[in-house]
Amino acid sequence: MQVYIYKSDKPNTRSLPRDENGKPLPIDGKHFNISHSGGYFAIAISNHPVGVDLQSKFKLDKKTNQKIPRELSARTLQKILKPGEKPVNNNYLYNFVIKEAYAKKLGSGLGLGFSTVDANDLLEKYHPYFKETEDYICYAFD
């Protein structure tokens, strides 16, 4: 698997061929998946089904143009966490990114039922691609 991350606006992906769940179809036998957030986008390419998620660690306050740390709401956490699930790197945003990338690999997207899987178990079982900068978190599974 190869993962490329670019500092750029959201790419126009409307013309990509997709399956019934919206996952991009392989091109010339290569599977790929795309994610974007906060002025960055990532593309993962593999010989196997692949999923990638990239999330900005910050939201931009439109009034002050200041970076505000991204936090998941209590409601979101209730929807995505398996009972007893611990935060990855002391931050549940990592759990969300891991589960999103895994769901995209499966082609199920949000239909996975994030509260049915534990992000820590996924890390142990699959050893995904991981990259982190001060601006974003990126995971990819193939």
N, C-alpha and C. Protein backbone atom coordinates (compact mmCIF):
# COMPACT_ATOMS: atom_id res chain seq x y z
N MET A 1 0.84 -1.17 0.00
CA MET A 1 0.00 0.00 0.00
C MET A 1 0.89 1.24 0.00
N GLN A 2 0.47 2.20 -0.79
CA GLN A 2 1.14 3.49 -0.81
C GLN A 2 0.12 4.55 -0.41
N VAL A 3 0.56 5.51 0.39
CA VAL A 3 -0.31 6.60 0.82
C VAL A 3 0.41 7.91 0.51
N TYR A 4 -0.30 8.80 -0.14
CA TYR A 4 0.22 10.11 -0.50
C TYR A 4 -0.66 11.17 0.15
N ILE A 5 -0.03 12.16 0.75
CA ILE A 5 -0.77 13.24 1.40
C ILE A 5 -0.31 14.55 0.79
N TYR A 6 -1.29 15.37 0.44
CA TYR A 6 -1.02 16.64 -0.21
C TYR A 6 -1.68 17.78 0.55
N LYS A 7 -1.01 18.91 0.58
CA LYS A 7 -1.62 20.12 1.11
C LYS A 7 -2.31 20.79 -0.07
N SER A 8 -3.61 20.70 -0.08
CA SER A 8 -4.37 21.17 -1.22
C SER A 8 -5.84 21.22 -0.87
N ASP A 9 -6.60 21.93 -1.68
CA ASP A 9 -8.04 21.92 -1.54
C ASP A 9 -8.57 20.55 -1.88
N LYS A 10 -9.82 20.33 -1.54
CA LYS A 10 -10.49 19.06 -1.83
C LYS A 10 -10.44 18.78 -3.33
N PRO A 11 -9.97 17.58 -3.71
CA PRO A 11 -9.94 17.25 -5.13
C PRO A 11 -11.35 16.99 -5.65
N ASN A 12 -11.56 17.21 -6.92
CA ASN A 12 -12.85 16.93 -7.54
C ASN A 12 -12.87 15.45 -7.92
N THR A 13 -13.68 14.69 -7.20
CA THR A 13 -13.73 13.24 -7.42
C THR A 13 -15.08 12.79 -7.97
N ARG A 14 -15.91 13.72 -8.41
CA ARG A 14 -17.26 13.38 -8.86
C ARG A 14 -17.29 12.42 -10.04
N SER A 15 -16.28 12.45 -10.90
CA SER A 15 -16.31 11.61 -12.10
C SER A 15 -15.74 10.21 -11.88
N LEU A 16 -15.29 9.90 -10.66
CA LEU A 16 -14.74 8.56 -10.41
C LEU A 16 -15.83 7.51 -10.44
N PRO A 17 -15.56 6.35 -11.04
CA PRO A 17 -16.54 5.26 -11.00
C PRO A 17 -16.63 4.71 -9.58
N ARG A 18 -17.87 4.46 -9.12
CA ARG A 18 -18.09 4.03 -7.73
C ARG A 18 -19.05 2.85 -7.67
N ASP A 19 -18.95 2.09 -6.58
CA ASP A 19 -19.90 1.00 -6.35
C ASP A 19 -21.18 1.55 -5.73
N GLU A 20 -22.11 0.67 -5.39
CA GLU A 20 -23.41 1.10 -4.86
C GLU A 20 -23.31 1.81 -3.52
N ASN A 21 -22.20 1.63 -2.79
CA ASN A 21 -22.00 2.31 -1.51
C ASN A 21 -21.17 3.59 -1.64
N GLY A 22 -20.76 3.92 -2.87
CA GLY A 22 -19.99 5.14 -3.09
C GLY A 22 -18.49 4.96 -3.06
N LYS A 23 -18.00 3.74 -2.82
CA LYS A 23 -16.55 3.49 -2.79
C LYS A 23 -16.01 3.51 -4.22
N PRO A 24 -14.89 4.21 -4.44
CA PRO A 24 -14.31 4.21 -5.79
C PRO A 24 -13.95 2.80 -6.26
N LEU A 25 -14.27 2.51 -7.50
CA LEU A 25 -13.95 1.21 -8.10
C LEU A 25 -12.48 1.18 -8.51
N PRO A 26 -11.86 0.00 -8.51
CA PRO A 26 -10.47 -0.10 -8.94
C PRO A 26 -10.29 0.40 -10.38
N ILE A 27 -9.12 0.94 -10.63
CA ILE A 27 -8.74 1.39 -11.96
C ILE A 27 -7.48 0.62 -12.35
N ASP A 28 -7.53 -0.06 -13.49
CA ASP A 28 -6.40 -0.88 -13.94
C ASP A 28 -5.92 -1.84 -12.85
N GLY A 29 -6.86 -2.42 -12.11
CA GLY A 29 -6.53 -3.39 -11.08
C GLY A 29 -6.03 -2.81 -9.78
N LYS A 30 -5.94 -1.50 -9.69
CA LYS A 30 -5.46 -0.85 -8.46
C LYS A 30 -6.64 -0.31 -7.68
N HIS A 31 -6.71 -0.68 -6.40
CA HIS A 31 -7.72 -0.14 -5.50
C HIS A 31 -7.20 1.17 -4.93
N PHE A 32 -8.09 2.10 -4.70
CA PHE A 32 -7.67 3.36 -4.10
C PHE A 32 -8.82 3.94 -3.29
N ASN A 33 -8.46 4.87 -2.41
CA ASN A 33 -9.44 5.55 -1.59
C ASN A 33 -8.89 6.93 -1.28
N ILE A 34 -9.79 7.89 -1.09
CA ILE A 34 -9.40 9.28 -0.89
C ILE A 34 -10.09 9.84 0.35
N SER A 35 -9.40 10.73 1.04
CA SER A 35 -9.97 11.44 2.18
C SER A 35 -9.44 12.88 2.16
N HIS A 36 -10.21 13.79 2.72
CA HIS A 36 -9.76 15.19 2.78
C HIS A 36 -10.28 15.84 4.05
N SER A 37 -9.51 16.80 4.55
CA SER A 37 -9.90 17.54 5.74
C SER A 37 -8.92 18.68 5.95
N GLY A 38 -9.42 19.84 6.30
CA GLY A 38 -8.59 20.96 6.72
C GLY A 38 -7.49 21.38 5.76
N GLY A 39 -7.77 21.38 4.47
CA GLY A 39 -6.77 21.82 3.50
C GLY A 39 -5.78 20.74 3.09
N TYR A 40 -6.01 19.50 3.47
CA TYR A 40 -5.17 18.38 3.07
C TYR A 40 -6.04 17.31 2.44
N PHE A 41 -5.44 16.51 1.57
CA PHE A 41 -6.12 15.30 1.12
C PHE A 41 -5.11 14.17 1.01
N ALA A 42 -5.64 12.95 1.19
CA ALA A 42 -4.81 11.75 1.15
C ALA A 42 -5.41 10.79 0.15
N ILE A 43 -4.53 10.07 -0.52
CA ILE A 43 -4.97 8.99 -1.40
C ILE A 43 -4.13 7.76 -1.05
N ALA A 44 -4.82 6.64 -0.86
CA ALA A 44 -4.17 5.36 -0.60
C ALA A 44 -4.39 4.47 -1.82
N ILE A 45 -3.34 3.78 -2.26
CA ILE A 45 -3.39 2.92 -3.44
C ILE A 45 -2.83 1.56 -3.05
N SER A 46 -3.53 0.50 -3.48
CA SER A 46 -3.11 -0.85 -3.09
C SER A 46 -3.58 -1.87 -4.13
N ASN A 47 -3.00 -3.05 -4.06
CA ASN A 47 -3.47 -4.17 -4.88
C ASN A 47 -4.69 -4.82 -4.25
N HIS A 48 -5.06 -4.39 -3.03
CA HIS A 48 -6.18 -4.95 -2.27
C HIS A 48 -7.15 -3.82 -1.94
N PRO A 49 -8.39 -4.15 -1.56
CA PRO A 49 -9.30 -3.09 -1.11
C PRO A 49 -8.63 -2.25 -0.01
N VAL A 50 -8.79 -0.96 -0.09
CA VAL A 50 -8.07 -0.04 0.79
C VAL A 50 -9.02 1.05 1.27
N GLY A 51 -8.75 1.54 2.46
CA GLY A 51 -9.51 2.67 3.00
C GLY A 51 -8.55 3.61 3.70
N VAL A 52 -8.79 4.91 3.56
CA VAL A 52 -7.95 5.91 4.20
C VAL A 52 -8.84 6.98 4.81
N ASP A 53 -8.44 7.48 5.95
CA ASP A 53 -9.12 8.64 6.53
C ASP A 53 -8.06 9.59 7.04
N LEU A 54 -8.26 10.85 6.74
CA LEU A 54 -7.40 11.93 7.19
C LEU A 54 -8.32 12.95 7.85
N GLN A 55 -7.98 13.35 9.06
CA GLN A 55 -8.77 14.35 9.78
C GLN A 55 -7.85 15.44 10.30
N SER A 56 -8.26 16.66 10.09
CA SER A 56 -7.56 17.79 10.66
C SER A 56 -7.72 17.76 12.17
N LYS A 57 -6.68 18.12 12.89
CA LYS A 57 -6.76 18.18 14.35
C LYS A 57 -7.44 19.47 14.81
N PHE A 58 -7.69 20.37 13.86
CA PHE A 58 -8.24 21.68 14.22
C PHE A 58 -9.40 22.07 13.33
N LYS A 59 -10.25 22.92 13.87
CA LYS A 59 -11.25 23.63 13.08
C LYS A 59 -10.78 25.06 13.01
N LEU A 60 -11.13 25.75 11.97
CA LEU A 60 -10.73 27.14 11.83
C LEU A 60 -11.90 28.03 12.23
N ASP A 61 -11.68 28.88 13.22
CA ASP A 61 -12.70 29.84 13.62
C ASP A 61 -12.80 30.90 12.52
N LYS A 62 -13.96 30.97 11.88
CA LYS A 62 -14.13 31.85 10.72
C LYS A 62 -14.03 33.32 11.09
N LYS A 63 -14.35 33.67 12.33
CA LYS A 63 -14.29 35.07 12.75
C LYS A 63 -12.86 35.51 13.07
N THR A 64 -12.13 34.67 13.79
CA THR A 64 -10.80 35.05 14.23
C THR A 64 -9.67 34.44 13.41
N ASN A 65 -10.02 33.46 12.55
CA ASN A 65 -9.03 32.74 11.76
C ASN A 65 -8.04 31.97 12.64
N GLN A 66 -8.46 31.65 13.87
CA GLN A 66 -7.63 30.90 14.80
C GLN A 66 -7.95 29.41 14.70
N LYS A 67 -6.95 28.59 14.93
CA LYS A 67 -7.14 27.14 14.98
C LYS A 67 -7.72 26.76 16.34
N ILE A 68 -8.79 25.97 16.31
CA ILE A 68 -9.42 25.47 17.53
C ILE A 68 -9.30 23.95 17.50
N PRO A 69 -8.77 23.34 18.58
CA PRO A 69 -8.64 21.88 18.58
C PRO A 69 -9.98 21.20 18.31
N ARG A 70 -9.97 20.21 17.41
CA ARG A 70 -11.18 19.47 17.07
C ARG A 70 -11.47 18.47 18.17
N GLU A 71 -12.70 18.51 18.65
CA GLU A 71 -13.13 17.56 19.67
C GLU A 71 -14.42 16.92 19.22
N LEU A 72 -14.59 15.66 19.57
CA LEU A 72 -15.82 14.95 19.24
C LEU A 72 -16.85 15.22 20.34
N SER A 73 -18.06 15.44 19.93
CA SER A 73 -19.13 15.72 20.89
C SER A 73 -19.47 14.45 21.68
N ALA A 74 -20.11 14.64 22.82
CA ALA A 74 -20.55 13.51 23.64
C ALA A 74 -21.50 12.62 22.84
N ARG A 75 -22.34 13.22 22.03
CA ARG A 75 -23.29 12.46 21.21
C ARG A 75 -22.55 11.59 20.19
N THR A 76 -21.53 12.16 19.54
CA THR A 76 -20.73 11.41 18.57
C THR A 76 -20.00 10.27 19.26
N LEU A 77 -19.40 10.56 20.41
CA LEU A 77 -18.69 9.51 21.14
C LEU A 77 -19.62 8.36 21.51
N GLN A 78 -20.83 8.68 21.89
CA GLN A 78 -21.80 7.64 22.24
C GLN A 78 -22.10 6.75 21.03
N LYS A 79 -22.11 7.35 19.85
CA LYS A 79 -22.40 6.60 18.62
C LYS A 79 -21.23 5.75 18.14
N ILE A 80 -20.01 6.22 18.37
CA ILE A 80 -18.86 5.54 17.75
C ILE A 80 -18.09 4.60 18.66
N LEU A 81 -18.23 4.74 19.97
CA LEU A 81 -17.40 3.94 20.88
C LEU A 81 -18.07 2.64 21.29
N LYS A 82 -17.29 1.59 21.27
CA LYS A 82 -17.74 0.30 21.81
C LYS A 82 -17.67 0.42 23.33
N PRO A 83 -18.62 -0.13 24.07
CA PRO A 83 -18.55 -0.04 25.53
C PRO A 83 -17.19 -0.48 26.06
N GLY A 84 -16.58 0.36 26.90
CA GLY A 84 -15.27 0.07 27.48
C GLY A 84 -14.08 0.43 26.61
N GLU A 85 -14.32 0.95 25.42
CA GLU A 85 -13.22 1.29 24.51
C GLU A 85 -12.39 2.44 25.06
N LYS A 86 -11.08 2.27 25.03
CA LYS A 86 -10.15 3.29 25.52
C LYS A 86 -9.70 4.19 24.37
N PRO A 87 -9.36 5.45 24.67
CA PRO A 87 -8.88 6.33 23.61
C PRO A 87 -7.49 5.92 23.11
N VAL A 88 -7.30 6.03 21.82
CA VAL A 88 -5.98 5.81 21.22
C VAL A 88 -5.21 7.12 21.39
N ASN A 89 -3.99 7.03 21.87
CA ASN A 89 -3.15 8.22 22.10
C ASN A 89 -3.87 9.27 22.96
N ASN A 90 -4.67 8.81 23.89
CA ASN A 90 -5.40 9.69 24.83
C ASN A 90 -6.34 10.67 24.13
N ASN A 91 -6.82 10.31 22.95
CA ASN A 91 -7.70 11.21 22.21
C ASN A 91 -8.64 10.38 21.33
N TYR A 92 -9.94 10.50 21.55
CA TYR A 92 -10.91 9.71 20.80
C TYR A 92 -10.99 10.09 19.32
N LEU A 93 -10.40 11.21 18.91
CA LEU A 93 -10.37 11.55 17.49
C LEU A 93 -9.61 10.46 16.71
N TYR A 94 -8.56 9.91 17.31
CA TYR A 94 -7.81 8.82 16.67
C TYR A 94 -8.72 7.62 16.45
N ASN A 95 -9.54 7.29 17.45
CA ASN A 95 -10.47 6.16 17.33
C ASN A 95 -11.38 6.36 16.13
N PHE A 96 -11.89 7.58 15.98
CA PHE A 96 -12.78 7.88 14.86
C PHE A 96 -12.06 7.70 13.53
N VAL A 97 -10.85 8.22 13.41
CA VAL A 97 -10.10 8.14 12.16
C VAL A 97 -9.80 6.68 11.81
N ILE A 98 -9.41 5.91 12.80
CA ILE A 98 -9.12 4.48 12.58
C ILE A 98 -10.36 3.76 12.06
N LYS A 99 -11.49 3.99 12.72
CA LYS A 99 -12.73 3.30 12.34
C LYS A 99 -13.22 3.76 10.97
N GLU A 100 -13.08 5.02 10.66
CA GLU A 100 -13.49 5.54 9.35
C GLU A 100 -12.65 4.90 8.24
N ALA A 101 -11.32 4.83 8.43
CA ALA A 101 -10.45 4.21 7.42
C ALA A 101 -10.79 2.74 7.24
N TYR A 102 -11.04 2.04 8.34
CA TYR A 102 -11.38 0.62 8.27
C TYR A 102 -12.72 0.42 7.55
N ALA A 103 -13.70 1.23 7.89
CA ALA A 103 -15.02 1.12 7.24
C ALA A 103 -14.91 1.40 5.75
N LYS A 104 -14.07 2.35 5.36
CA LYS A 104 -13.89 2.66 3.95
C LYS A 104 -13.21 1.50 3.22
N LYS A 105 -12.29 0.80 3.90
CA LYS A 105 -11.66 -0.38 3.31
C LYS A 105 -12.72 -1.45 3.03
N LEU A 106 -13.64 -1.64 3.97
CA LEU A 106 -14.69 -2.64 3.81
C LEU A 106 -15.73 -2.22 2.79
N GLY A 107 -15.79 -0.91 2.51
CA GLY A 107 -16.79 -0.41 1.58
C GLY A 107 -18.12 -0.13 2.24
N SER A 108 -18.15 -0.16 3.57
CA SER A 108 -19.40 0.05 4.28
C SER A 108 -19.59 1.48 4.76
N GLY A 109 -18.51 2.27 4.78
CA GLY A 109 -18.62 3.64 5.27
C GLY A 109 -19.22 3.68 6.66
N LEU A 110 -20.07 4.67 6.90
CA LEU A 110 -20.67 4.83 8.22
C LEU A 110 -21.62 3.68 8.56
N GLY A 111 -22.00 2.88 7.57
CA GLY A 111 -22.86 1.73 7.81
C GLY A 111 -22.19 0.63 8.63
N LEU A 112 -20.90 0.75 8.90
CA LEU A 112 -20.17 -0.26 9.66
C LEU A 112 -20.78 -0.45 11.04
N GLY A 113 -21.29 0.61 11.65
CA GLY A 113 -21.70 0.52 13.05
C GLY A 113 -20.45 0.64 13.91
N PHE A 114 -19.93 1.85 14.00
CA PHE A 114 -18.65 2.08 14.66
C PHE A 114 -18.61 1.54 16.09
N SER A 115 -19.75 1.51 16.77
CA SER A 115 -19.76 1.05 18.17
C SER A 115 -19.63 -0.47 18.29
N THR A 116 -19.54 -1.17 17.16
CA THR A 116 -19.40 -2.63 17.19
C THR A 116 -17.95 -3.07 17.12
N VAL A 117 -17.04 -2.14 16.87
CA VAL A 117 -15.61 -2.47 16.78
C VAL A 117 -14.82 -1.55 17.71
N ASP A 118 -13.70 -2.05 18.19
CA ASP A 118 -12.81 -1.28 19.06
C ASP A 118 -11.58 -0.88 18.24
N ALA A 119 -11.29 0.40 18.19
CA ALA A 119 -10.15 0.89 17.41
C ALA A 119 -8.84 0.25 17.87
N ASN A 120 -8.69 0.02 19.16
CA ASN A 120 -7.47 -0.60 19.67
C ASN A 120 -7.30 -2.01 19.13
N ASP A 121 -8.40 -2.76 19.00
CA ASP A 121 -8.34 -4.11 18.43
C ASP A 121 -7.95 -4.05 16.96
N LEU A 122 -8.48 -3.07 16.23
CA LEU A 122 -8.12 -2.93 14.81
C LEU A 122 -6.63 -2.66 14.64
N LEU A 123 -6.07 -1.81 15.52
CA LEU A 123 -4.64 -1.51 15.45
C LEU A 123 -3.81 -2.77 15.69
N GLU A 124 -4.21 -3.57 16.67
CA GLU A 124 -3.47 -4.80 16.98
C GLU A 124 -3.55 -5.82 15.86
N LYS A 125 -4.72 -5.94 15.27
CA LYS A 125 -4.95 -6.98 14.27
C LYS A 125 -4.37 -6.63 12.90
N TYR A 126 -4.46 -5.37 12.49
CA TYR A 126 -4.13 -5.01 11.11
C TYR A 126 -2.87 -4.18 10.92
N HIS A 127 -2.35 -3.53 11.92
CA HIS A 127 -1.15 -2.71 11.80
C HIS A 127 -1.22 -1.76 10.58
N PRO A 128 -2.14 -0.82 10.61
CA PRO A 128 -2.35 0.05 9.45
C PRO A 128 -1.24 1.08 9.27
N TYR A 129 -1.29 1.71 8.10
CA TYR A 129 -0.45 2.88 7.85
C TYR A 129 -0.90 3.97 8.81
N PHE A 130 0.05 4.73 9.34
CA PHE A 130 -0.27 5.84 10.24
C PHE A 130 0.69 6.98 9.98
N LYS A 131 0.16 8.18 9.92
CA LYS A 131 0.99 9.37 9.84
C LYS A 131 0.29 10.47 10.62
N GLU A 132 1.09 11.21 11.36
CA GLU A 132 0.55 12.32 12.14
C GLU A 132 1.49 13.51 12.01
N THR A 133 0.92 14.69 11.85
CA THR A 133 1.67 15.92 11.90
C THR A 133 0.99 16.82 12.94
N GLU A 134 1.47 18.01 13.11
CA GLU A 134 0.79 18.91 14.05
C GLU A 134 -0.58 19.32 13.53
N ASP A 135 -0.85 19.13 12.23
CA ASP A 135 -2.13 19.53 11.64
C ASP A 135 -3.14 18.41 11.45
N TYR A 136 -2.69 17.17 11.24
CA TYR A 136 -3.65 16.11 10.91
C TYR A 136 -3.22 14.75 11.43
N ILE A 137 -4.21 13.82 11.38
CA ILE A 137 -4.02 12.41 11.70
C ILE A 137 -4.48 11.64 10.46
N CYS A 138 -3.72 10.63 10.06
CA CYS A 138 -4.09 9.82 8.89
C CYS A 138 -3.82 8.34 9.19
N TYR A 139 -4.84 7.52 8.93
CA TYR A 139 -4.71 6.07 9.00
C TYR A 139 -5.19 5.49 7.69
N ALA A 140 -4.62 4.34 7.30
CA ALA A 140 -5.07 3.63 6.10
C ALA A 140 -4.94 2.13 6.35
N PHE A 141 -5.91 1.38 5.83
CA PHE A 141 -5.93 -0.07 5.94
C PHE A 141 -6.00 -0.68 4.55
N ASP A 142 -5.26 -1.77 4.33
CA ASP A 142 -5.46 -2.57 3.11
C ASP A 142 -5.48 -4.02 3.47
